[in-house]
Amino acid sequence: MDKNDAGKANDGAAEKLREAVRDYYEAAFESTAAVQESNARLARSFVEGSIEALEAQTEVSHHTLQSLAELAREQQEAFQELSRRSLDVYDGFLDSLFSYYKEVLRNPDEVGDRR
């Protein structure tokens, strides 16, 4: 093998090496791009899932607050009714005392006999 043949063989080997390195870098670049795209999809999915979860939580909180407001209104109405009835009973008690007092003033002897 002479120098020309050896040079051509070296040139051919160098060309094959360059092609192999270029192919390796292209494959690495494509793989990196695919990983980055996958990461971007994952991040987008995570953000969208978080947004959906927050929206659902907001809706649940809204319904809970509405329920609490309704419960507070019902309790207020029940307390007002209870207070009204208590006042009616107390008024009845005071009226009975007043009636008894009036009767004692009208007929002191009869009241004493009932004891």
Protein backbone atom coordinates (compact mmCIF):
# COMPACT_ATOMS: atom_id res chain seq x y z
CA MET A 1 0.00 0.00 0.00
CA ASP A 2 1.52 3.27 -0.99
CA LYS A 3 1.09 6.69 0.58
CA ASN A 4 -1.76 7.68 -1.72
CA ASP A 5 -3.69 4.54 -0.85
CA ALA A 6 -2.96 5.06 2.83
CA GLY A 7 -4.04 8.72 2.59
CA LYS A 8 -7.26 7.78 0.84
CA ALA A 9 -7.90 5.10 3.44
CA ASN A 10 -7.28 7.66 6.21
CA ASP A 11 -9.50 10.18 4.46
CA GLY A 12 -12.25 7.57 4.11
CA ALA A 13 -11.91 6.56 7.77
CA ALA A 14 -11.93 10.20 8.85
CA GLU A 15 -15.04 10.83 6.75
CA LYS A 16 -16.76 7.83 8.31
CA LEU A 17 -15.74 9.05 11.76
CA ARG A 18 -17.11 12.54 10.99
CA GLU A 19 -20.38 11.02 9.77
CA ALA A 20 -20.60 8.81 12.86
CA VAL A 21 -19.96 11.80 15.16
CA ARG A 22 -22.49 13.92 13.22
CA ASP A 23 -25.08 11.14 13.42
CA TYR A 24 -24.41 10.78 17.15
CA TYR A 25 -24.88 14.51 17.75
CA GLU A 26 -28.03 14.60 15.60
CA ALA A 27 -29.46 11.66 17.54
CA ALA A 28 -28.48 13.30 20.84
CA PHE A 29 -30.05 16.59 19.72
CA GLU A 30 -33.27 14.86 18.65
CA SER A 31 -33.36 12.92 21.91
CA THR A 32 -32.82 16.10 23.90
CA ALA A 33 -35.55 17.88 21.94
CA ALA A 34 -37.93 14.97 22.56
CA VAL A 35 -37.16 15.04 26.30
CA GLN A 36 -37.70 18.80 26.43
CA GLU A 37 -41.00 18.45 24.58
CA SER A 38 -42.06 15.69 26.98
CA ASN A 39 -41.10 17.88 29.96
CA ALA A 40 -43.08 20.78 28.51
CA ARG A 41 -46.16 18.54 28.11
CA LEU A 42 -45.72 17.27 31.66
CA ALA A 43 -45.40 20.82 33.03
CA ARG A 44 -48.45 21.97 31.05
CA SER A 45 -50.42 18.96 32.31
CA PHE A 46 -49.36 19.72 35.88
CA VAL A 47 -50.39 23.37 35.60
CA GLU A 48 -53.71 22.51 33.98
CA GLY A 49 -54.39 19.89 36.65
CA SER A 50 -53.56 22.39 39.38
CA ILE A 51 -55.88 24.95 37.83
CA GLU A 52 -58.69 22.40 37.63
CA ALA A 53 -58.11 21.40 41.25
CA LEU A 54 -58.20 25.05 42.36
CA GLU A 55 -61.40 25.64 40.41
CA ALA A 56 -63.01 22.59 42.00
CA GLN A 57 -61.87 23.71 45.47
CA THR A 58 -63.25 27.18 44.82
CA GLU A 59 -66.60 25.72 43.82
CA VAL A 60 -66.72 23.52 46.93
CA SER A 61 -65.82 26.52 49.11
CA HIS A 62 -68.55 28.58 47.44
CA HIS A 63 -71.17 25.89 48.10
CA THR A 64 -69.94 25.49 51.68
CA LEU A 65 -70.24 29.23 52.31
CA GLN A 66 -73.75 29.25 50.84
CA SER A 67 -74.73 26.35 53.09
CA LEU A 68 -73.24 28.10 56.13
CA ALA A 69 -75.08 31.32 55.28
CA GLU A 70 -78.36 29.40 54.95
CA LEU A 71 -77.73 27.60 58.24
CA ALA A 72 -76.96 30.89 60.00
CA ARG A 73 -80.19 32.39 58.63
CA GLU A 74 -82.20 29.37 59.81
CA GLN A 75 -80.60 29.55 63.27
CA GLN A 76 -81.34 33.25 63.48
CA GLU A 77 -84.99 32.60 62.62
CA ALA A 78 -85.18 29.79 65.20
CA PHE A 79 -83.61 32.01 67.87
CA GLN A 80 -86.06 34.82 67.07
CA GLU A 81 -89.00 32.40 67.33
CA LEU A 82 -87.68 31.00 70.61
CA SER A 83 -87.18 34.52 71.97
CA ARG A 84 -90.70 35.51 70.92
CA ARG A 85 -92.21 32.46 72.60
CA SER A 86 -90.16 33.05 75.75
CA LEU A 87 -91.41 36.63 75.90
CA ASP A 88 -94.99 35.44 75.40
CA VAL A 89 -94.63 32.97 78.29
CA TYR A 90 -93.05 35.64 80.49
CA ASP A 91 -95.85 38.07 79.61
CA GLY A 92 -98.37 35.38 80.55
CA PHE A 93 -96.61 34.85 83.87
CA LEU A 94 -96.59 38.57 84.64
CA ASP A 95 -100.25 38.85 83.63
CA SER A 96 -101.14 36.02 86.01
CA LEU A 97 -99.28 37.75 88.84
CA PHE A 98 -101.02 41.01 88.06
CA SER A 99 -104.42 39.28 87.92
CA TYR A 100 -103.73 37.60 91.26
CA TYR A 101 -102.68 40.94 92.76
CA LYS A 102 -105.86 42.62 91.49
CA GLU A 103 -107.99 39.83 92.91
CA VAL A 104 -106.26 40.06 96.27
CA LEU A 105 -106.96 43.79 96.38
CA ARG A 106 -110.64 43.24 95.51
CA ASN A 107 -111.29 40.32 97.86
CA PRO A 108 -108.59 40.07 100.51
CA ASP A 109 -110.66 37.73 102.67
CA GLU A 110 -111.32 35.17 99.95
CA VAL A 111 -107.65 34.96 99.02
CA GLY A 112 -106.73 34.33 102.65
CA ASP A 113 -109.27 31.49 102.85
CA ARG A 114 -107.75 29.70 99.85
CA ARG A 115 -104.45 29.25 101.60
